[in-house]
Amino acid sequence: MSATPDGGESGSRNISIKIGDDFVEDFDRAMKRGQLDGKLPMDMSRSEAIRRLMRKAIDDPSLLAEDEENRQ
């Protein structure tokens, strides 16, 4: 994973990660299912979903505990 400052004064970064196509497709399908079930906003982007997951991990780092069965 790499992080690059966006050059602006907002204090944000562009983060780049490399993951398998199947993993991304599974994530996108899960998001779409959540949107269709009314659990997620229809206009939620993948970036926003990842930001929300990162916020949850900040509040509860145990979410990042390694799970050997689901390791990708």
PDB file of N, CA and C in Angstrom:
ATOM      1  N   MET A   1       0.855  -1.161   0.000  1.00  0.00           N
ATOM      2  CA  MET A   1       0.000   0.000   0.000  1.00  0.00           C
ATOM      3  C   MET A   1       0.899   1.221   0.000  1.00  0.00           C
ATOM      4  N   SER A   2       0.500   2.209  -0.747  1.00  0.00           N
ATOM      5  CA  SER A   2       1.240   3.467  -0.752  1.00  0.00           C
ATOM      6  C   SER A   2       0.271   4.612  -0.521  1.00  0.00           C
ATOM      7  N   ALA A   3       0.798   5.691   0.016  1.00  0.00           N
ATOM      8  CA  ALA A   3      -0.019   6.879   0.265  1.00  0.00           C
ATOM      9  C   ALA A   3       0.707   8.084  -0.299  1.00  0.00           C
ATOM     10  N   THR A   4      -0.028   8.901  -1.009  1.00  0.00           N
ATOM     11  CA  THR A   4       0.528  10.093  -1.622  1.00  0.00           C
ATOM     12  C   THR A   4      -0.324  11.289  -1.225  1.00  0.00           C
ATOM     13  N   PRO A   5       0.294  12.339  -0.658  1.00  0.00           N
ATOM     14  CA  PRO A   5      -0.490  13.544  -0.359  1.00  0.00           C
ATOM     15  C   PRO A   5      -1.147  14.061  -1.635  1.00  0.00           C
ATOM     16  N   ASP A   6      -2.361  14.599  -1.505  1.00  0.00           N
ATOM     17  CA  ASP A   6      -3.077  15.045  -2.703  1.00  0.00           C
ATOM     18  C   ASP A   6      -2.618  16.404  -3.211  1.00  0.00           C
ATOM     19  N   GLY A   7      -1.674  17.034  -2.527  1.00  0.00           N
ATOM     20  CA  GLY A   7      -1.152  18.317  -2.984  1.00  0.00           C
ATOM     21  C   GLY A   7      -1.976  19.501  -2.521  1.00  0.00           C
ATOM     22  N   GLY A   8      -3.149  19.251  -2.007  1.00  0.00           N
ATOM     23  CA  GLY A   8      -4.000  20.333  -1.528  1.00  0.00           C
ATOM     24  C   GLY A   8      -3.726  20.630  -0.072  1.00  0.00           C
ATOM     25  N   GLU A   9      -4.475  21.575   0.450  1.00  0.00           N
ATOM     26  CA  GLU A   9      -4.300  21.960   1.844  1.00  0.00           C
ATOM     27  C   GLU A   9      -5.264  21.219   2.753  1.00  0.00           C
ATOM     28  N   SER A  10      -6.003  20.263   2.227  1.00  0.00           N
ATOM     29  CA  SER A  10      -7.028  19.579   3.003  1.00  0.00           C
ATOM     30  C   SER A  10      -6.460  18.549   3.963  1.00  0.00           C
ATOM     31  N   GLY A  11      -5.188  18.205   3.827  1.00  0.00           N
ATOM     32  CA  GLY A  11      -4.601  17.199   4.690  1.00  0.00           C
ATOM     33  C   GLY A  11      -5.053  15.797   4.345  1.00  0.00           C
ATOM     34  N   SER A  12      -5.459  15.570   3.129  1.00  0.00           N
ATOM     35  CA  SER A  12      -5.894  14.233   2.724  1.00  0.00           C
ATOM     36  C   SER A  12      -4.837  13.580   1.848  1.00  0.00           C
ATOM     37  N   ARG A  13      -4.969  12.263   1.673  1.00  0.00           N
ATOM     38  CA  ARG A  13      -4.028  11.491   0.865  1.00  0.00           C
ATOM     39  C   ARG A  13      -4.784  10.578  -0.081  1.00  0.00           C
ATOM     40  N   ASN A  14      -4.156  10.301  -1.191  1.00  0.00           N
ATOM     41  CA  ASN A  14      -4.638   9.256  -2.089  1.00  0.00           C
ATOM     42  C   ASN A  14      -3.904   7.985  -1.705  1.00  0.00           C
ATOM     43  N   ILE A  15      -4.645   6.926  -1.432  1.00  0.00           N
ATOM     44  CA  ILE A  15      -4.051   5.660  -1.027  1.00  0.00           C
ATOM     45  C   ILE A  15      -4.233   4.658  -2.152  1.00  0.00           C
ATOM     46  N   SER A  16      -3.171   3.949  -2.453  1.00  0.00           N
ATOM     47  CA  SER A  16      -3.203   2.960  -3.523  1.00  0.00           C
ATOM     48  C   SER A  16      -2.911   1.584  -2.940  1.00  0.00           C
ATOM     49  N   ILE A  17      -3.771   0.614  -3.236  1.00  0.00           N
ATOM     50  CA  ILE A  17      -3.548  -0.762  -2.801  1.00  0.00           C
ATOM     51  C   ILE A  17      -3.738  -1.687  -3.991  1.00  0.00           C
ATOM     52  N   LYS A  18      -3.123  -2.834  -3.929  1.00  0.00           N
ATOM     53  CA  LYS A  18      -3.269  -3.810  -4.995  1.00  0.00           C
ATOM     54  C   LYS A  18      -3.925  -5.056  -4.408  1.00  0.00           C
ATOM     55  N   ILE A  19      -5.106  -5.385  -4.934  1.00  0.00           N
ATOM     56  CA  ILE A  19      -5.825  -6.571  -4.478  1.00  0.00           C
ATOM     57  C   ILE A  19      -6.404  -7.281  -5.688  1.00  0.00           C
ATOM     58  N   GLY A  20      -6.740  -8.535  -5.513  1.00  0.00           N
ATOM     59  CA  GLY A  20      -7.230  -9.348  -6.618  1.00  0.00           C
ATOM     60  C   GLY A  20      -8.583  -8.890  -7.145  1.00  0.00           C
ATOM     61  N   ASP A  21      -8.789  -9.118  -8.434  1.00  0.00           N
ATOM     62  CA  ASP A  21     -10.048  -8.748  -9.088  1.00  0.00           C
ATOM     63  C   ASP A  21     -11.249  -9.406  -8.417  1.00  0.00           C
ATOM     64  N   ASP A  22     -11.126 -10.687  -8.066  1.00  0.00           N
ATOM     65  CA  ASP A  22     -12.245 -11.399  -7.443  1.00  0.00           C
ATOM     66  C   ASP A  22     -12.636 -10.758  -6.116  1.00  0.00           C
ATOM     67  N   PHE A  23     -11.635 -10.331  -5.351  1.00  0.00           N
ATOM     68  CA  PHE A  23     -11.893  -9.705  -4.059  1.00  0.00           C
ATOM     69  C   PHE A  23     -12.644  -8.390  -4.244  1.00  0.00           C
ATOM     70  N   VAL A  24     -12.229  -7.597  -5.225  1.00  0.00           N
ATOM     71  CA  VAL A  24     -12.899  -6.324  -5.521  1.00  0.00           C
ATOM     72  C   VAL A  24     -14.330  -6.583  -5.981  1.00  0.00           C
ATOM     73  N   GLU A  25     -14.513  -7.572  -6.844  1.00  0.00           N
ATOM     74  CA  GLU A  25     -15.859  -7.888  -7.336  1.00  0.00           C
ATOM     75  C   GLU A  25     -16.759  -8.353  -6.200  1.00  0.00           C
ATOM     76  N   ASP A  26     -16.226  -9.161  -5.271  1.00  0.00           N
ATOM     77  CA  ASP A  26     -17.012  -9.596  -4.112  1.00  0.00           C
ATOM     78  C   ASP A  26     -17.415  -8.398  -3.254  1.00  0.00           C
ATOM     79  N   PHE A  27     -16.482  -7.463  -3.057  1.00  0.00           N
ATOM     80  CA  PHE A  27     -16.760  -6.263  -2.265  1.00  0.00           C
ATOM     81  C   PHE A  27     -17.838  -5.420  -2.942  1.00  0.00           C
ATOM     82  N   ASP A  28     -17.698  -5.216  -4.240  1.00  0.00           N
ATOM     83  CA  ASP A  28     -18.680  -4.422  -4.985  1.00  0.00           C
ATOM     84  C   ASP A  28     -20.062  -5.073  -4.945  1.00  0.00           C
ATOM     85  N   ARG A  29     -20.113  -6.404  -5.059  1.00  0.00           N
ATOM     86  CA  ARG A  29     -21.403  -7.110  -4.978  1.00  0.00           C
ATOM     87  C   ARG A  29     -22.028  -6.943  -3.597  1.00  0.00           C
ATOM     88  N   ALA A  30     -21.199  -7.035  -2.558  1.00  0.00           N
ATOM     89  CA  ALA A  30     -21.708  -6.858  -1.197  1.00  0.00           C
ATOM     90  C   ALA A  30     -22.256  -5.442  -1.006  1.00  0.00           C
ATOM     91  N   MET A  31     -21.547  -4.460  -1.548  1.00  0.00           N
ATOM     92  CA  MET A  31     -22.043  -3.080  -1.475  1.00  0.00           C
ATOM     93  C   MET A  31     -23.370  -2.943  -2.204  1.00  0.00           C
ATOM     94  N   LYS A  32     -23.449  -3.479  -3.408  1.00  0.00           N
ATOM     95  CA  LYS A  32     -24.677  -3.378  -4.200  1.00  0.00           C
ATOM     96  C   LYS A  32     -25.835  -4.066  -3.477  1.00  0.00           C
ATOM     97  N   ARG A  33     -25.555  -5.232  -2.872  1.00  0.00           N
ATOM     98  CA  ARG A  33     -26.593  -5.942  -2.119  1.00  0.00           C
ATOM     99  C   ARG A  33     -27.078  -5.064  -0.964  1.00  0.00           C
ATOM    100  N   GLY A  34     -26.144  -4.415  -0.260  1.00  0.00           N
ATOM    101  CA  GLY A  34     -26.512  -3.515   0.827  1.00  0.00           C
ATOM    102  C   GLY A  34     -27.338  -2.336   0.342  1.00  0.00           C
ATOM    103  N   GLN A  35     -26.998  -1.816  -0.837  1.00  0.00           N
ATOM    104  CA  GLN A  35     -27.763  -0.708  -1.412  1.00  0.00           C
ATOM    105  C   GLN A  35     -29.174  -1.156  -1.777  1.00  0.00           C
ATOM    106  N   LEU A  36     -29.288  -2.309  -2.430  1.00  0.00           N
ATOM    107  CA  LEU A  36     -30.604  -2.803  -2.846  1.00  0.00           C
ATOM    108  C   LEU A  36     -31.473  -3.184  -1.648  1.00  0.00           C
ATOM    109  N   ASP A  37     -30.834  -3.634  -0.559  1.00  0.00           N
ATOM    110  CA  ASP A  37     -31.569  -3.990   0.656  1.00  0.00           C
ATOM    111  C   ASP A  37     -31.907  -2.767   1.507  1.00  0.00           C
ATOM    112  N   GLY A  38     -31.465  -1.587   1.075  1.00  0.00           N
ATOM    113  CA  GLY A  38     -31.749  -0.365   1.809  1.00  0.00           C
ATOM    114  C   GLY A  38     -30.845  -0.131   3.008  1.00  0.00           C
ATOM    115  N   LYS A  39     -29.766  -0.898   3.125  1.00  0.00           N
ATOM    116  CA  LYS A  39     -28.850  -0.752   4.253  1.00  0.00           C
ATOM    117  C   LYS A  39     -27.751   0.269   3.986  1.00  0.00           C
ATOM    118  N   LEU A  40     -27.512   0.586   2.715  1.00  0.00           N
ATOM    119  CA  LEU A  40     -26.495   1.560   2.315  1.00  0.00           C
ATOM    120  C   LEU A  40     -27.122   2.569   1.368  1.00  0.00           C
ATOM    121  N   PRO A  41     -26.637   3.804   1.381  1.00  0.00           N
ATOM    122  CA  PRO A  41     -27.144   4.793   0.427  1.00  0.00           C
ATOM    123  C   PRO A  41     -26.859   4.343  -1.008  1.00  0.00           C
ATOM    124  N   MET A  42     -27.790   4.580  -1.904  1.00  0.00           N
ATOM    125  CA  MET A  42     -27.626   4.166  -3.301  1.00  0.00           C
ATOM    126  C   MET A  42     -26.460   4.869  -3.978  1.00  0.00           C
ATOM    127  N   ASP A  43     -26.080   6.043  -3.496  1.00  0.00           N
ATOM    128  CA  ASP A  43     -24.991   6.779  -4.136  1.00  0.00           C
ATOM    129  C   ASP A  43     -23.638   6.568  -3.450  1.00  0.00           C
ATOM    130  N   MET A  44     -23.549   5.578  -2.553  1.00  0.00           N
ATOM    131  CA  MET A  44     -22.281   5.336  -1.865  1.00  0.00           C
ATOM    132  C   MET A  44     -21.243   4.779  -2.836  1.00  0.00           C
ATOM    133  N   SER A  45     -20.077   5.380  -2.813  1.00  0.00           N
ATOM    134  CA  SER A  45     -18.976   4.915  -3.658  1.00  0.00           C
ATOM    135  C   SER A  45     -18.126   3.896  -2.895  1.00  0.00           C
ATOM    136  N   ARG A  46     -17.317   3.175  -3.636  1.00  0.00           N
ATOM    137  CA  ARG A  46     -16.376   2.242  -3.019  1.00  0.00           C
ATOM    138  C   ARG A  46     -15.437   3.011  -2.084  1.00  0.00           C
ATOM    139  N   SER A  47     -15.000   4.188  -2.501  1.00  0.00           N
ATOM    140  CA  SER A  47     -14.103   4.997  -1.665  1.00  0.00           C
ATOM    141  C   SER A  47     -14.754   5.354  -0.337  1.00  0.00           C
ATOM    142  N   GLU A  48     -16.018   5.745  -0.373  1.00  0.00           N
ATOM    143  CA  GLU A  48     -16.718   6.095   0.864  1.00  0.00           C
ATOM    144  C   GLU A  48     -16.867   4.868   1.752  1.00  0.00           C
ATOM    145  N   ALA A  49     -17.159   3.723   1.171  1.00  0.00           N
ATOM    146  CA  ALA A  49     -17.280   2.496   1.959  1.00  0.00           C
ATOM    147  C   ALA A  49     -15.957   2.170   2.649  1.00  0.00           C
ATOM    148  N   ILE A  50     -14.856   2.317   1.931  1.00  0.00           N
ATOM    149  CA  ILE A  50     -13.541   2.042   2.509  1.00  0.00           C
ATOM    150  C   ILE A  50     -13.228   3.049   3.611  1.00  0.00           C
ATOM    151  N   ARG A  51     -13.575   4.324   3.415  1.00  0.00           N
ATOM    152  CA  ARG A  51     -13.369   5.326   4.475  1.00  0.00           C
ATOM    153  C   ARG A  51     -14.143   4.940   5.733  1.00  0.00           C
ATOM    154  N   ARG A  52     -15.382   4.490   5.564  1.00  0.00           N
ATOM    155  CA  ARG A  52     -16.192   4.090   6.724  1.00  0.00           C
ATOM    156  C   ARG A  52     -15.572   2.892   7.439  1.00  0.00           C
ATOM    157  N   LEU A  53     -15.072   1.932   6.671  1.00  0.00           N
ATOM    158  CA  LEU A  53     -14.413   0.778   7.280  1.00  0.00           C
ATOM    159  C   LEU A  53     -13.165   1.206   8.049  1.00  0.00           C
ATOM    160  N   MET A  54     -12.421   2.152   7.491  1.00  0.00           N
ATOM    161  CA  MET A  54     -11.221   2.650   8.172  1.00  0.00           C
ATOM    162  C   MET A  54     -11.593   3.344   9.484  1.00  0.00           C
ATOM    163  N   ARG A  55     -12.691   4.128   9.479  1.00  0.00           N
ATOM    164  CA  ARG A  55     -13.135   4.794  10.716  1.00  0.00           C
ATOM    165  C   ARG A  55     -13.493   3.763  11.780  1.00  0.00           C
ATOM    166  N   LYS A  56     -14.186   2.690  11.368  1.00  0.00           N
ATOM    167  CA  LYS A  56     -14.558   1.639  12.314  1.00  0.00           C
ATOM    168  C   LYS A  56     -13.316   0.968  12.898  1.00  0.00           C
ATOM    169  N   ALA A  57     -12.297   0.749  12.072  1.00  0.00           N
ATOM    170  CA  ALA A  57     -11.061   0.123  12.548  1.00  0.00           C
ATOM    171  C   ALA A  57     -10.311   1.037  13.513  1.00  0.00           C
ATOM    172  N   ILE A  58     -10.408   2.344  13.314  1.00  0.00           N
ATOM    173  CA  ILE A  58      -9.787   3.287  14.246  1.00  0.00           C
ATOM    174  C   ILE A  58     -10.455   3.166  15.613  1.00  0.00           C
ATOM    175  N   ASP A  59     -11.785   3.073  15.624  1.00  0.00           N
ATOM    176  CA  ASP A  59     -12.533   2.959  16.874  1.00  0.00           C
ATOM    177  C   ASP A  59     -12.363   1.592  17.527  1.00  0.00           C
ATOM    178  N   ASP A  60     -12.195   0.545  16.713  1.00  0.00           N
ATOM    179  CA  ASP A  60     -12.079  -0.822  17.227  1.00  0.00           C
ATOM    180  C   ASP A  60     -11.021  -1.581  16.435  1.00  0.00           C
ATOM    181  N   PRO A  61      -9.740  -1.432  16.814  1.00  0.00           N
ATOM    182  CA  PRO A  61      -8.663  -2.083  16.070  1.00  0.00           C
ATOM    183  C   PRO A  61      -8.782  -3.604  16.016  1.00  0.00           C
ATOM    184  N   SER A  62      -9.561  -4.201  16.912  1.00  0.00           N
ATOM    185  CA  SER A  62      -9.709  -5.660  16.877  1.00  0.00           C
ATOM    186  C   SER A  62     -10.372  -6.123  15.583  1.00  0.00           C
ATOM    187  N   LEU A  63     -11.033  -5.212  14.864  1.00  0.00           N
ATOM    188  CA  LEU A  63     -11.611  -5.569  13.569  1.00  0.00           C
ATOM    189  C   LEU A  63     -10.533  -6.001  12.583  1.00  0.00           C
ATOM    190  N   LEU A  64      -9.306  -5.581  12.832  1.00  0.00           N
ATOM    191  CA  LEU A  64      -8.198  -5.899  11.939  1.00  0.00           C
ATOM    192  C   LEU A  64      -7.457  -7.170  12.347  1.00  0.00           C
ATOM    193  N   ALA A  65      -7.914  -7.810  13.423  1.00  0.00           N
ATOM    194  CA  ALA A  65      -7.262  -9.043  13.863  1.00  0.00           C
ATOM    195  C   ALA A  65      -7.296 -10.058  12.731  1.00  0.00           C
ATOM    196  N   GLU A  66      -6.201 -10.737  12.551  1.00  0.00           N
ATOM    197  CA  GLU A  66      -6.069 -11.681  11.442  1.00  0.00           C
ATOM    198  C   GLU A  66      -7.029 -12.847  11.619  1.00  0.00           C
ATOM    199  N   ASP A  67      -7.758 -13.132  10.574  1.00  0.00           N
ATOM    200  CA  ASP A  67      -8.684 -14.256  10.527  1.00  0.00           C
ATOM    201  C   ASP A  67      -8.179 -15.184   9.430  1.00  0.00           C
ATOM    202  N   GLU A  68      -7.558 -16.272   9.809  1.00  0.00           N
ATOM    203  CA  GLU A  68      -6.914 -17.165   8.840  1.00  0.00           C
ATOM    204  C   GLU A  68      -7.885 -17.683   7.782  1.00  0.00           C
ATOM    205  N   GLU A  69      -9.145 -17.897   8.140  1.00  0.00           N
ATOM    206  CA  GLU A  69     -10.114 -18.430   7.182  1.00  0.00           C
ATOM    207  C   GLU A  69     -10.445 -17.441   6.082  1.00  0.00           C
ATOM    208  N   ASN A  70     -10.422 -16.155   6.383  1.00  0.00           N
ATOM    209  CA  ASN A  70     -10.846 -15.136   5.420  1.00  0.00           C
ATOM    210  C   ASN A  70      -9.691 -14.318   4.873  1.00  0.00           C
ATOM    211  N   ARG A  71      -8.500 -14.785   5.058  1.00  0.00           N
ATOM    212  CA  ARG A  71      -7.325 -14.040   4.593  1.00  0.00           C
ATOM    213  C   ARG A  71      -7.258 -14.059   3.077  1.00  0.00           C
ATOM    214  N   GLN A  72      -7.052 -12.880   2.463  1.00  0.00           N
ATOM    215  CA  GLN A  72      -6.989 -12.767   0.999  1.00  0.00           C
ATOM    216  C   GLN A  72      -5.614 -12.346   0.581  1.00  0.00           C
TER     217      GLN A  72
END
